[in-house]
Amino acid sequence: MQKVEIIAKIIANLRGYALKIDPDATVNDYLKAVENLVEAGEYFREAGTKTCLNCVKCCYERIPLTNVDVIMLRKGLGKKNGQNIDLYHFLRDYTEIFIKGWEIDIILKRRENGACVFLNEEDRKCEIYAFRPFVCRSFYCIPTTEETETIRMAVVNLGEDALVREYLLYLREFGVTPYWTHAVKPKLNVSYYPRNIFWKKENYEIKIKDILQYL
């Protein structure tokens, strides 16, 4: 029995979905379930397509990263390019960091036209599909319930906070010049980013019910 099940549901007069979640379900279980929506043609999509295949609408949107995403991206790109990529150089080369006071936002780098740097625009394919981030795997384009959106945003926000904490500790430990894309009165204080359930996690085997306790 699957720990997360997709249930068709009419939302705002559009065919969307809800989730039935087992108490022991993890984020990985959630991702396995929603990835079944890729080729499911019976759902409404904002892009107007029947499936997600070769649709690149979400590839032109902001893609926030979690600490787990960055671990998987560093490993995947390292194997692909034949080299190890440390945290600082990954963030410098593949992300954009926006800072306003103590608020820090880390997203995948985008081209001038808004496309994700890993999108092959000619072939309309993702070059890192096998290890793409959580946001890319959770397909926001299909209508879903408030409960599902709450889970999704909790993963994104807590995971990104853990990534920011890791970055700030790296800066402090190695004394390197901070990298950012744009900053307004930056306050790089790790105390603003305490440990949470994502801290030191290397995969998405994290129980959803434990994540929701942070809300």
C-alpha atoms as a PDB file:
ATOM      1  CA  MET A   1       0.000   0.000   0.000  1.00  0.00           C
ATOM      2  CA  GLN A   2       1.293   3.431  -0.917  1.00  0.00           C
ATOM      3  CA  LYS A   3       1.828   5.809   1.991  1.00  0.00           C
ATOM      4  CA  VAL A   4       0.684   8.767  -0.108  1.00  0.00           C
ATOM      5  CA  GLU A   5      -2.189   8.394  -2.563  1.00  0.00           C
ATOM      6  CA  ILE A   6      -3.410  10.797  -5.248  1.00  0.00           C
ATOM      7  CA  ILE A   7      -7.169  11.405  -5.150  1.00  0.00           C
ATOM      8  CA  ALA A   8      -8.874  13.267  -7.997  1.00  0.00           C
ATOM      9  CA  LYS A   9     -10.772  16.312  -6.714  1.00  0.00           C
ATOM     10  CA  ILE A  10     -12.632  19.224  -8.292  1.00  0.00           C
ATOM     11  CA  ILE A  11     -11.040  22.474  -7.102  1.00  0.00           C
ATOM     12  CA  ALA A  12     -12.525  25.827  -8.166  1.00  0.00           C
ATOM     13  CA  ASN A  13     -14.413  23.975 -10.932  1.00  0.00           C
ATOM     14  CA  LEU A  14     -11.171  22.490 -12.268  1.00  0.00           C
ATOM     15  CA  ARG A  15      -9.991  18.895 -12.100  1.00  0.00           C
ATOM     16  CA  GLY A  16      -7.181  18.778  -9.558  1.00  0.00           C
ATOM     17  CA  TYR A  17      -6.064  16.454  -6.804  1.00  0.00           C
ATOM     18  CA  ALA A  18      -5.902  15.873  -3.073  1.00  0.00           C
ATOM     19  CA  LEU A  19      -3.583  13.621  -1.089  1.00  0.00           C
ATOM     20  CA  LYS A  20      -4.340  10.802   1.328  1.00  0.00           C
ATOM     21  CA  ILE A  21      -1.327  10.623   3.638  1.00  0.00           C
ATOM     22  CA  ASP A  22      -0.313   7.811   5.992  1.00  0.00           C
ATOM     23  CA  PRO A  23       0.990   8.976   9.406  1.00  0.00           C
ATOM     24  CA  ASP A  24       4.386   7.443   8.599  1.00  0.00           C
ATOM     25  CA  ALA A  25       4.656   8.954   5.114  1.00  0.00           C
ATOM     26  CA  THR A  26       7.855  10.811   4.226  1.00  0.00           C
ATOM     27  CA  VAL A  27       8.617  13.579   1.758  1.00  0.00           C
ATOM     28  CA  ASN A  28      10.015  10.888  -0.542  1.00  0.00           C
ATOM     29  CA  ASP A  29       6.649   9.096  -0.425  1.00  0.00           C
ATOM     30  CA  TYR A  30       4.960  12.379  -1.313  1.00  0.00           C
ATOM     31  CA  LEU A  31       7.307  12.937  -4.269  1.00  0.00           C
ATOM     32  CA  LYS A  32       6.814   9.401  -5.587  1.00  0.00           C
ATOM     33  CA  ALA A  33       3.060   9.965  -5.549  1.00  0.00           C
ATOM     34  CA  VAL A  34       2.980  13.374  -7.244  1.00  0.00           C
ATOM     35  CA  GLU A  35       5.486  12.296  -9.884  1.00  0.00           C
ATOM     36  CA  ASN A  36       2.752   9.994 -11.174  1.00  0.00           C
ATOM     37  CA  LEU A  37       1.001  13.167 -12.311  1.00  0.00           C
ATOM     38  CA  VAL A  38       3.621  13.822 -15.011  1.00  0.00           C
ATOM     39  CA  GLU A  39       1.825  11.810 -17.665  1.00  0.00           C
ATOM     40  CA  ALA A  40      -1.672  11.885 -16.139  1.00  0.00           C
ATOM     41  CA  GLY A  41      -3.785  13.560 -18.809  1.00  0.00           C
ATOM     42  CA  GLU A  42      -7.032  13.875 -16.855  1.00  0.00           C
ATOM     43  CA  TYR A  43      -5.970  16.898 -14.769  1.00  0.00           C
ATOM     44  CA  PHE A  44      -6.216  20.613 -15.550  1.00  0.00           C
ATOM     45  CA  ARG A  45      -2.901  22.385 -16.129  1.00  0.00           C
ATOM     46  CA  GLU A  46      -2.307  26.128 -16.169  1.00  0.00           C
ATOM     47  CA  ALA A  47      -0.101  25.659 -19.226  1.00  0.00           C
ATOM     48  CA  GLY A  48      -3.026  24.156 -21.159  1.00  0.00           C
ATOM     49  CA  THR A  49      -1.152  20.910 -21.898  1.00  0.00           C
ATOM     50  CA  LYS A  50      -2.451  17.359 -21.440  1.00  0.00           C
ATOM     51  CA  THR A  51       0.699  16.155 -19.672  1.00  0.00           C
ATOM     52  CA  CYS A  52       3.861  17.635 -18.185  1.00  0.00           C
ATOM     53  CA  LEU A  53       6.058  16.048 -20.851  1.00  0.00           C
ATOM     54  CA  ASN A  54       7.978  18.706 -22.815  1.00  0.00           C
ATOM     55  CA  CYS A  55       6.099  21.470 -20.996  1.00  0.00           C
ATOM     56  CA  VAL A  56       8.585  24.019 -19.669  1.00  0.00           C
ATOM     57  CA  LYS A  57       6.239  26.505 -17.979  1.00  0.00           C
ATOM     58  CA  CYS A  58       7.641  25.892 -14.496  1.00  0.00           C
ATOM     59  CA  CYS A  59      11.211  26.109 -15.837  1.00  0.00           C
ATOM     60  CA  TYR A  60      10.737  29.872 -16.170  1.00  0.00           C
ATOM     61  CA  GLU A  61       9.623  30.325 -12.575  1.00  0.00           C
ATOM     62  CA  ARG A  62      11.603  31.023  -9.406  1.00  0.00           C
ATOM     63  CA  ILE A  63      13.050  27.745  -8.045  1.00  0.00           C
ATOM     64  CA  PRO A  64      13.978  27.968  -4.345  1.00  0.00           C
ATOM     65  CA  LEU A  65      16.404  25.348  -3.073  1.00  0.00           C
ATOM     66  CA  THR A  66      16.571  23.242   0.081  1.00  0.00           C
ATOM     67  CA  ASN A  67      19.679  21.836   1.711  1.00  0.00           C
ATOM     68  CA  VAL A  68      18.704  18.364   0.472  1.00  0.00           C
ATOM     69  CA  ASP A  69      18.313  19.679  -3.085  1.00  0.00           C
ATOM     70  CA  VAL A  70      21.818  21.132  -2.994  1.00  0.00           C
ATOM     71  CA  ILE A  71      23.330  17.877  -1.739  1.00  0.00           C
ATOM     72  CA  MET A  72      21.700  15.977  -4.611  1.00  0.00           C
ATOM     73  CA  LEU A  73      22.642  18.632  -7.159  1.00  0.00           C
ATOM     74  CA  ARG A  74      26.268  18.704  -6.044  1.00  0.00           C
ATOM     75  CA  LYS A  75      26.487  14.912  -6.245  1.00  0.00           C
ATOM     76  CA  GLY A  76      24.688  14.738  -9.588  1.00  0.00           C
ATOM     77  CA  LEU A  77      26.671  17.530 -11.214  1.00  0.00           C
ATOM     78  CA  GLY A  78      29.875  16.170  -9.726  1.00  0.00           C
ATOM     79  CA  LYS A  79      29.318  12.807 -11.415  1.00  0.00           C
ATOM     80  CA  LYS A  80      28.240  14.473 -14.647  1.00  0.00           C
ATOM     81  CA  ASN A  81      31.236  16.823 -14.769  1.00  0.00           C
ATOM     82  CA  GLY A  82      33.769  14.504 -13.162  1.00  0.00           C
ATOM     83  CA  GLN A  83      34.636  16.808 -10.290  1.00  0.00           C
ATOM     84  CA  ASN A  84      33.686  17.516  -6.694  1.00  0.00           C
ATOM     85  CA  ILE A  85      31.788  20.745  -6.084  1.00  0.00           C
ATOM     86  CA  ASP A  86      31.891  22.250  -2.615  1.00  0.00           C
ATOM     87  CA  LEU A  87      28.992  24.240  -1.196  1.00  0.00           C
ATOM     88  CA  TYR A  88      30.413  27.707  -1.818  1.00  0.00           C
ATOM     89  CA  HIS A  89      31.360  27.097  -5.443  1.00  0.00           C
ATOM     90  CA  PHE A  90      28.030  25.434  -6.171  1.00  0.00           C
ATOM     91  CA  LEU A  91      26.146  28.436  -4.805  1.00  0.00           C
ATOM     92  CA  ARG A  92      28.394  30.868  -6.659  1.00  0.00           C
ATOM     93  CA  ASP A  93      28.148  29.089 -10.016  1.00  0.00           C
ATOM     94  CA  TYR A  94      24.582  27.775 -10.055  1.00  0.00           C
ATOM     95  CA  THR A  95      22.419  29.941  -7.805  1.00  0.00           C
ATOM     96  CA  GLU A  96      21.234  33.465  -7.209  1.00  0.00           C
ATOM     97  CA  ILE A  97      21.173  34.738  -3.625  1.00  0.00           C
ATOM     98  CA  PHE A  98      18.990  37.662  -2.620  1.00  0.00           C
ATOM     99  CA  ILE A  99      19.375  39.265   0.796  1.00  0.00           C
ATOM    100  CA  LYS A 100      17.263  41.869   2.563  1.00  0.00           C
ATOM    101  CA  GLY A 101      18.418  42.390   6.127  1.00  0.00           C
ATOM    102  CA  TRP A 102      18.449  38.942   7.687  1.00  0.00           C
ATOM    103  CA  GLU A 103      16.122  37.426   5.062  1.00  0.00           C
ATOM    104  CA  ILE A 104      18.043  35.285   2.572  1.00  0.00           C
ATOM    105  CA  ASP A 105      16.575  33.604  -0.505  1.00  0.00           C
ATOM    106  CA  ILE A 106      18.554  31.049  -2.534  1.00  0.00           C
ATOM    107  CA  ILE A 107      17.214  30.014  -5.945  1.00  0.00           C
ATOM    108  CA  LEU A 108      18.547  28.245  -9.029  1.00  0.00           C
ATOM    109  CA  LYS A 109      20.286  30.604 -11.419  1.00  0.00           C
ATOM    110  CA  ARG A 110      18.181  31.907 -14.316  1.00  0.00           C
ATOM    111  CA  ARG A 111      19.053  33.271 -17.731  1.00  0.00           C
ATOM    112  CA  GLU A 112      18.082  36.782 -18.820  1.00  0.00           C
ATOM    113  CA  ASN A 113      14.850  35.445 -20.338  1.00  0.00           C
ATOM    114  CA  GLY A 114      13.909  33.848 -17.005  1.00  0.00           C
ATOM    115  CA  ALA A 115      14.748  30.263 -17.971  1.00  0.00           C
ATOM    116  CA  CYS A 116      16.405  27.964 -15.465  1.00  0.00           C
ATOM    117  CA  VAL A 117      20.094  27.637 -16.250  1.00  0.00           C
ATOM    118  CA  PHE A 118      19.627  23.857 -16.558  1.00  0.00           C
ATOM    119  CA  LEU A 119      16.857  24.020 -19.162  1.00  0.00           C
ATOM    120  CA  ASN A 120      17.844  23.018 -22.687  1.00  0.00           C
ATOM    121  CA  GLU A 121      15.547  25.483 -24.402  1.00  0.00           C
ATOM    122  CA  GLU A 122      16.021  23.998 -27.869  1.00  0.00           C
ATOM    123  CA  ASP A 123      15.071  20.454 -26.851  1.00  0.00           C
ATOM    124  CA  ARG A 124      12.680  21.630 -24.092  1.00  0.00           C
ATOM    125  CA  LYS A 125      14.313  19.223 -21.661  1.00  0.00           C
ATOM    126  CA  CYS A 126      15.862  19.483 -18.206  1.00  0.00           C
ATOM    127  CA  GLU A 127      19.579  18.688 -18.104  1.00  0.00           C
ATOM    128  CA  ILE A 128      19.404  17.641 -14.435  1.00  0.00           C
ATOM    129  CA  TYR A 129      16.067  15.805 -14.529  1.00  0.00           C
ATOM    130  CA  ALA A 130      17.311  12.795 -12.561  1.00  0.00           C
ATOM    131  CA  PHE A 131      18.320  14.972  -9.599  1.00  0.00           C
ATOM    132  CA  ARG A 132      16.166  18.074 -10.042  1.00  0.00           C
ATOM    133  CA  PRO A 133      15.025  20.013  -6.945  1.00  0.00           C
ATOM    134  CA  PHE A 134      11.939  19.405  -4.820  1.00  0.00           C
ATOM    135  CA  VAL A 135      10.032  22.353  -6.313  1.00  0.00           C
ATOM    136  CA  CYS A 136      10.525  20.965  -9.825  1.00  0.00           C
ATOM    137  CA  ARG A 137       9.336  17.531  -8.730  1.00  0.00           C
ATOM    138  CA  SER A 138       6.144  18.705  -7.039  1.00  0.00           C
ATOM    139  CA  PHE A 139       4.405  20.189 -10.095  1.00  0.00           C
ATOM    140  CA  TYR A 140       2.584  23.286  -8.830  1.00  0.00           C
ATOM    141  CA  CYS A 141       0.711  23.775 -12.130  1.00  0.00           C
ATOM    142  CA  ILE A 142      -2.143  21.348 -11.285  1.00  0.00           C
ATOM    143  CA  PRO A 143      -4.845  22.574  -8.863  1.00  0.00           C
ATOM    144  CA  THR A 144      -4.553  21.001  -5.431  1.00  0.00           C
ATOM    145  CA  THR A 145      -5.844  21.421  -1.903  1.00  0.00           C
ATOM    146  CA  GLU A 146      -4.728  23.899   0.722  1.00  0.00           C
ATOM    147  CA  GLU A 147      -3.392  20.973   2.763  1.00  0.00           C
ATOM    148  CA  THR A 148      -1.117  19.880  -0.083  1.00  0.00           C
ATOM    149  CA  GLU A 149       0.149  23.432  -0.612  1.00  0.00           C
ATOM    150  CA  THR A 150       0.853  23.729   3.118  1.00  0.00           C
ATOM    151  CA  ILE A 151       3.013  20.595   3.028  1.00  0.00           C
ATOM    152  CA  ARG A 152       4.838  21.768  -0.078  1.00  0.00           C
ATOM    153  CA  MET A 153       5.595  25.213   1.313  1.00  0.00           C
ATOM    154  CA  ALA A 154       6.703  23.773   4.665  1.00  0.00           C
ATOM    155  CA  VAL A 155       9.268  21.584   2.892  1.00  0.00           C
ATOM    156  CA  VAL A 156      10.507  24.506   0.793  1.00  0.00           C
ATOM    157  CA  ASN A 157      10.723  27.010   3.647  1.00  0.00           C
ATOM    158  CA  LEU A 158      12.282  24.742   6.272  1.00  0.00           C
ATOM    159  CA  GLY A 159      14.663  23.192   3.746  1.00  0.00           C
ATOM    160  CA  GLU A 160      15.768  26.583   2.454  1.00  0.00           C
ATOM    161  CA  ASP A 161      16.295  27.827   6.017  1.00  0.00           C
ATOM    162  CA  ALA A 162      18.566  24.832   6.647  1.00  0.00           C
ATOM    163  CA  LEU A 163      20.503  25.648   3.460  1.00  0.00           C
ATOM    164  CA  VAL A 164      20.954  29.282   4.514  1.00  0.00           C
ATOM    165  CA  ARG A 165      22.211  28.147   7.917  1.00  0.00           C
ATOM    166  CA  GLU A 166      24.717  25.819   6.237  1.00  0.00           C
ATOM    167  CA  TYR A 167      25.906  28.649   3.971  1.00  0.00           C
ATOM    168  CA  LEU A 168      26.357  31.114   6.832  1.00  0.00           C
ATOM    169  CA  LEU A 169      28.292  28.578   8.891  1.00  0.00           C
ATOM    170  CA  TYR A 170      30.499  27.872   5.861  1.00  0.00           C
ATOM    171  CA  LEU A 171      31.281  31.582   5.521  1.00  0.00           C
ATOM    172  CA  ARG A 172      32.153  31.807   9.186  1.00  0.00           C
ATOM    173  CA  GLU A 173      34.324  28.683   9.203  1.00  0.00           C
ATOM    174  CA  PHE A 174      36.341  29.405   6.050  1.00  0.00           C
ATOM    175  CA  GLY A 175      36.334  33.202   6.104  1.00  0.00           C
ATOM    176  CA  VAL A 176      35.508  33.532   2.412  1.00  0.00           C
ATOM    177  CA  THR A 177      33.922  36.601   0.846  1.00  0.00           C
ATOM    178  CA  PRO A 178      30.124  36.221   0.900  1.00  0.00           C
ATOM    179  CA  TYR A 179      28.536  35.620  -2.486  1.00  0.00           C
ATOM    180  CA  TRP A 180      25.193  37.176  -3.329  1.00  0.00           C
ATOM    181  CA  THR A 181      23.338  38.393  -6.400  1.00  0.00           C
ATOM    182  CA  HIS A 182      21.727  41.366  -4.709  1.00  0.00           C
ATOM    183  CA  ALA A 183      21.740  42.542  -1.104  1.00  0.00           C
ATOM    184  CA  VAL A 184      20.101  45.349   0.853  1.00  0.00           C
ATOM    185  CA  LYS A 185      21.600  45.975   4.300  1.00  0.00           C
ATOM    186  CA  PRO A 186      22.636  42.323   4.697  1.00  0.00           C
ATOM    187  CA  LYS A 187      22.760  40.860   8.204  1.00  0.00           C
ATOM    188  CA  LEU A 188      24.573  37.549   7.888  1.00  0.00           C
ATOM    189  CA  ASN A 189      23.760  36.234  11.344  1.00  0.00           C
ATOM    190  CA  VAL A 190      23.333  32.473  11.699  1.00  0.00           C
ATOM    191  CA  SER A 191      21.262  32.940  14.864  1.00  0.00           C
ATOM    192  CA  TYR A 192      18.376  33.983  12.624  1.00  0.00           C
ATOM    193  CA  TYR A 193      18.420  30.463  11.180  1.00  0.00           C
ATOM    194  CA  PRO A 194      18.261  27.924  14.037  1.00  0.00           C
ATOM    195  CA  ARG A 195      18.395  24.195  13.475  1.00  0.00           C
ATOM    196  CA  ASN A 196      15.198  22.605  12.245  1.00  0.00           C
ATOM    197  CA  ILE A 197      14.106  19.156  11.129  1.00  0.00           C
ATOM    198  CA  PHE A 198      16.001  19.497   7.824  1.00  0.00           C
ATOM    199  CA  TRP A 199      19.331  20.289   9.452  1.00  0.00           C
ATOM    200  CA  LYS A 200      22.041  17.780   8.440  1.00  0.00           C
ATOM    201  CA  LYS A 201      19.553  15.720   6.419  1.00  0.00           C
ATOM    202  CA  GLU A 202      20.927  14.280   3.182  1.00  0.00           C
ATOM    203  CA  ASN A 203      17.703  12.965   1.641  1.00  0.00           C
ATOM    204  CA  TYR A 204      13.945  13.365   1.839  1.00  0.00           C
ATOM    205  CA  GLU A 205      13.300  10.466   4.196  1.00  0.00           C
ATOM    206  CA  ILE A 206      11.703  12.945   6.604  1.00  0.00           C
ATOM    207  CA  LYS A 207       8.227  12.270   7.978  1.00  0.00           C
ATOM    208  CA  ILE A 208       5.611  14.754   6.842  1.00  0.00           C
ATOM    209  CA  LYS A 209       3.891  14.777  10.231  1.00  0.00           C
ATOM    210  CA  ASP A 210       7.174  15.845  11.862  1.00  0.00           C
ATOM    211  CA  ILE A 211       7.580  18.693   9.378  1.00  0.00           C
ATOM    212  CA  LEU A 212       4.068  19.990  10.061  1.00  0.00           C
ATOM    213  CA  GLN A 213       4.856  20.282  13.763  1.00  0.00           C
ATOM    214  CA  TYR A 214       7.055  23.263  12.897  1.00  0.00           C
ATOM    215  CA  LEU A 215       4.091  25.242  11.564  1.00  0.00           C
END
